């Protein structure tokens, strides 16, 4: 198939730039969404760690014979 008979015309400079800007915006949006998911996961993990530490401190105070060393 020759370039003259191609069903899709070749992109000019402005069209190519527009296509690249659109792709960059789409990829940027996806990266922002993934970053927000990572922040949510980290916040959830921090809260679970705090709950575990609190339960451990309560257990130590009740059955370990005193106040935990970090408290």
C-alpha atoms as a PDB file:
ATOM      1  CA  UNK A   1       0.000   0.000   0.000  1.00  0.00           C
ATOM      2  CA  UNK A   2       1.470   3.337  -0.934  1.00  0.00           C
ATOM      3  CA  UNK A   3       1.247   6.402   1.304  1.00  0.00           C
ATOM      4  CA  UNK A   4      -1.007   8.103  -1.256  1.00  0.00           C
ATOM      5  CA  UNK A   5      -3.621   5.340  -1.067  1.00  0.00           C
ATOM      6  CA  UNK A   6      -3.532   4.998   2.728  1.00  0.00           C
ATOM      7  CA  UNK A   7      -7.023   5.350   4.288  1.00  0.00           C
ATOM      8  CA  UNK A   8      -5.573   7.388   7.178  1.00  0.00           C
ATOM      9  CA  UNK A   9      -3.876  10.638   6.188  1.00  0.00           C
ATOM     10  CA  UNK A  10      -0.480  11.305   7.810  1.00  0.00           C
ATOM     11  CA  UNK A  11      -0.494  13.591  10.812  1.00  0.00           C
ATOM     12  CA  UNK A  12       0.834  17.091  10.380  1.00  0.00           C
ATOM     13  CA  UNK A  13       2.834  18.953  13.024  1.00  0.00           C
ATOM     14  CA  UNK A  14      -0.200  20.470  14.764  1.00  0.00           C
ATOM     15  CA  UNK A  15      -2.198  17.251  14.689  1.00  0.00           C
ATOM     16  CA  UNK A  16       0.712  15.265  16.073  1.00  0.00           C
ATOM     17  CA  UNK A  17       1.223  17.767  18.874  1.00  0.00           C
ATOM     18  CA  UNK A  18      -2.505  17.593  19.732  1.00  0.00           C
ATOM     19  CA  UNK A  19      -2.368  13.797  19.833  1.00  0.00           C
ATOM     20  CA  UNK A  20       0.667  13.851  22.125  1.00  0.00           C
ATOM     21  CA  UNK A  21      -0.933  16.417  24.451  1.00  0.00           C
ATOM     22  CA  UNK A  22      -4.051  14.259  24.708  1.00  0.00           C
ATOM     23  CA  UNK A  23      -1.976  11.154  25.480  1.00  0.00           C
ATOM     24  CA  UNK A  24       0.066  13.022  28.093  1.00  0.00           C
ATOM     25  CA  UNK A  25      -3.125  14.254  29.769  1.00  0.00           C
ATOM     26  CA  UNK A  26      -4.616  10.751  29.814  1.00  0.00           C
ATOM     27  CA  UNK A  27      -1.466   9.186  31.259  1.00  0.00           C
ATOM     28  CA  UNK A  28      -1.163  11.998  33.813  1.00  0.00           C
ATOM     29  CA  UNK A  29      -4.737  11.418  34.957  1.00  0.00           C
ATOM     30  CA  UNK A  30      -4.112   7.689  35.348  1.00  0.00           C
ATOM     31  CA  UNK A  31      -0.939   8.332  37.350  1.00  0.00           C
ATOM     32  CA  UNK A  32      -2.774  10.747  39.651  1.00  0.00           C
ATOM     33  CA  UNK A  33      -5.493   8.150  40.262  1.00  0.00           C
ATOM     34  CA  UNK A  34      -2.890   5.507  41.066  1.00  0.00           C
ATOM     35  CA  UNK A  35      -1.099   7.912  43.417  1.00  0.00           C
ATOM     36  CA  UNK A  36      -4.353   8.640  45.263  1.00  0.00           C
ATOM     37  CA  UNK A  37      -4.970   4.897  45.633  1.00  0.00           C
ATOM     38  CA  UNK A  38      -1.483   4.468  47.097  1.00  0.00           C
ATOM     39  CA  UNK A  39      -2.088   7.301  49.590  1.00  0.00           C
ATOM     40  CA  UNK A  40      -5.393   5.735  50.642  1.00  0.00           C
ATOM     41  CA  UNK A  41      -3.713   2.351  51.109  1.00  0.00           C
ATOM     42  CA  UNK A  42      -0.919   3.871  53.189  1.00  0.00           C
ATOM     43  CA  UNK A  43      -3.411   5.754  55.368  1.00  0.00           C
ATOM     44  CA  UNK A  44      -5.353   2.522  55.936  1.00  0.00           C
ATOM     45  CA  UNK A  45      -2.151   0.665  56.835  1.00  0.00           C
ATOM     46  CA  UNK A  46      -1.151   3.398  59.298  1.00  0.00           C
ATOM     47  CA  UNK A  47      -4.550   3.190  60.988  1.00  0.00           C
ATOM     48  CA  UNK A  48      -4.313  -0.613  61.211  1.00  0.00           C
ATOM     49  CA  UNK A  49      -0.828  -0.308  62.721  1.00  0.00           C
ATOM     50  CA  UNK A  50      -2.120   2.193  65.284  1.00  0.00           C
ATOM     51  CA  UNK A  51      -4.958  -0.154  66.231  1.00  0.00           C
ATOM     52  CA  UNK A  52      -2.509  -3.032  66.634  1.00  0.00           C
ATOM     53  CA  UNK A  53      -0.203  -0.901  68.779  1.00  0.00           C
ATOM     54  CA  UNK A  54      -3.115   0.187  70.967  1.00  0.00           C
ATOM     55  CA  UNK A  55      -4.247  -3.415  71.444  1.00  0.00           C
ATOM     56  CA  UNK A  56      -0.687  -4.444  72.294  1.00  0.00           C
ATOM     57  CA  UNK A  57      -0.361  -1.597  74.827  1.00  0.00           C
ATOM     58  CA  UNK A  58      -3.653  -2.539  76.469  1.00  0.00           C
ATOM     59  CA  UNK A  59      -2.582  -6.195  76.672  1.00  0.00           C
ATOM     60  CA  UNK A  60       0.746  -5.235  78.241  1.00  0.00           C
ATOM     61  CA  UNK A  61      -0.957  -2.966  80.771  1.00  0.00           C
ATOM     62  CA  UNK A  62      -3.457  -5.665  81.716  1.00  0.00           C
ATOM     63  CA  UNK A  63      -1.373  -8.846  81.640  1.00  0.00           C
ATOM     64  CA  UNK A  64       2.214  -7.674  81.448  1.00  0.00           C
ATOM     65  CA  UNK A  65       2.274  -5.938  84.763  1.00  0.00           C
ATOM     66  CA  UNK A  66       2.557  -2.291  83.940  1.00  0.00           C
ATOM     67  CA  UNK A  67       2.786   0.585  81.556  1.00  0.00           C
ATOM     68  CA  UNK A  68       4.443  -0.095  78.218  1.00  0.00           C
ATOM     69  CA  UNK A  69       7.913   1.376  77.801  1.00  0.00           C
ATOM     70  CA  UNK A  70       6.918   3.671  74.914  1.00  0.00           C
ATOM     71  CA  UNK A  71       3.827   5.057  76.665  1.00  0.00           C
END
